[in-house]
Amino acid sequence: MGCLQEEIPKDTLRFIAAVNDMLALSESVLFFPRWTRHIFPFWKQFVKAWDDLYDV
């Protein structure tokens, strides 16, 4: 992944950010009812984080 190199690749930084977002938003996604997913912005961020995890 190149985490220990002098210059960290963009894909690695994107992966790290996606893991951070996924872990930070997991609690919100789990505890709010399903119908709130279209109201609160965290659902789109959570889905984007998972998309980035699989894309990288």
C-alpha atoms as a PDB file:
ATOM      1  CA  MET A   1       0.000   0.000   0.000  1.00  0.00           C
ATOM      2  CA  GLY A   2       2.955   2.322   0.387  1.00  0.00           C
ATOM      3  CA  CYS A   3       2.079   3.680   3.837  1.00  0.00           C
ATOM      4  CA  LEU A   4       5.702   3.760   4.969  1.00  0.00           C
ATOM      5  CA  GLN A   5       7.105   5.501   1.913  1.00  0.00           C
ATOM      6  CA  GLU A   6       8.218   9.116   1.938  1.00  0.00           C
ATOM      7  CA  GLU A   7       5.346  10.074  -0.365  1.00  0.00           C
ATOM      8  CA  ILE A   8       2.092   8.240   0.331  1.00  0.00           C
ATOM      9  CA  PRO A   9       0.108   7.326  -2.807  1.00  0.00           C
ATOM     10  CA  LYS A  10      -3.288   8.985  -3.303  1.00  0.00           C
ATOM     11  CA  ASP A  11      -5.097   5.631  -3.337  1.00  0.00           C
ATOM     12  CA  THR A  12      -3.634   4.789   0.060  1.00  0.00           C
ATOM     13  CA  LEU A  13      -4.745   8.117   1.500  1.00  0.00           C
ATOM     14  CA  ARG A  14      -8.202   7.579   0.017  1.00  0.00           C
ATOM     15  CA  PHE A  15      -8.373   4.101   1.557  1.00  0.00           C
ATOM     16  CA  ILE A  16      -7.342   5.399   4.989  1.00  0.00           C
ATOM     17  CA  ALA A  17      -9.924   8.205   4.793  1.00  0.00           C
ATOM     18  CA  ALA A  18     -12.614   5.710   3.744  1.00  0.00           C
ATOM     19  CA  VAL A  19     -11.843   3.422   6.697  1.00  0.00           C
ATOM     20  CA  ASN A  20     -11.979   6.408   9.037  1.00  0.00           C
ATOM     21  CA  ASP A  21     -15.327   7.563   7.629  1.00  0.00           C
ATOM     22  CA  MET A  22     -16.777   4.060   7.681  1.00  0.00           C
ATOM     23  CA  LEU A  23     -15.842   3.535  11.333  1.00  0.00           C
ATOM     24  CA  ALA A  24     -16.952   7.008  12.405  1.00  0.00           C
ATOM     25  CA  LEU A  25     -20.328   6.754  10.660  1.00  0.00           C
ATOM     26  CA  SER A  26     -21.132   3.123  11.534  1.00  0.00           C
ATOM     27  CA  GLU A  27     -22.658   4.061  14.870  1.00  0.00           C
ATOM     28  CA  SER A  28     -24.935   6.672  13.310  1.00  0.00           C
ATOM     29  CA  VAL A  29     -26.092   4.299  10.604  1.00  0.00           C
ATOM     30  CA  LEU A  30     -26.810   1.489  13.052  1.00  0.00           C
ATOM     31  CA  PHE A  31     -28.738   3.462  15.656  1.00  0.00           C
ATOM     32  CA  PHE A  32     -30.908   5.710  13.488  1.00  0.00           C
ATOM     33  CA  PRO A  33     -34.026   4.199  11.905  1.00  0.00           C
ATOM     34  CA  ARG A  34     -33.861   3.233   8.261  1.00  0.00           C
ATOM     35  CA  TRP A  35     -36.329   5.935   7.193  1.00  0.00           C
ATOM     36  CA  THR A  36     -33.900   8.684   8.319  1.00  0.00           C
ATOM     37  CA  ARG A  37     -31.298   7.705   5.727  1.00  0.00           C
ATOM     38  CA  HIS A  38     -32.715  10.095   3.152  1.00  0.00           C
ATOM     39  CA  ILE A  39     -32.991  12.953   5.635  1.00  0.00           C
ATOM     40  CA  PHE A  40     -29.559  12.943   7.276  1.00  0.00           C
ATOM     41  CA  PRO A  41     -26.397  13.375   5.179  1.00  0.00           C
ATOM     42  CA  PHE A  42     -24.376  10.666   6.919  1.00  0.00           C
ATOM     43  CA  TRP A  43     -25.923   7.836   4.877  1.00  0.00           C
ATOM     44  CA  LYS A  44     -24.468   9.132   1.585  1.00  0.00           C
ATOM     45  CA  GLN A  45     -21.077   9.607   3.259  1.00  0.00           C
ATOM     46  CA  PHE A  46     -21.243   6.073   4.651  1.00  0.00           C
ATOM     47  CA  VAL A  47     -22.069   4.572   1.244  1.00  0.00           C
ATOM     48  CA  LYS A  48     -19.304   6.624  -0.406  1.00  0.00           C
ATOM     49  CA  ALA A  49     -16.812   5.342   2.170  1.00  0.00           C
ATOM     50  CA  TRP A  50     -17.751   1.732   1.380  1.00  0.00           C
ATOM     51  CA  ASP A  51     -17.568   2.440  -2.355  1.00  0.00           C
ATOM     52  CA  ASP A  52     -14.071   3.875  -1.901  1.00  0.00           C
ATOM     53  CA  LEU A  53     -13.005   0.843   0.150  1.00  0.00           C
ATOM     54  CA  TYR A  54     -14.024  -1.535  -2.620  1.00  0.00           C
ATOM     55  CA  ASP A  55     -12.748   0.727  -5.400  1.00  0.00           C
ATOM     56  CA  VAL A  56      -9.219   0.976  -4.012  1.00  0.00           C
END
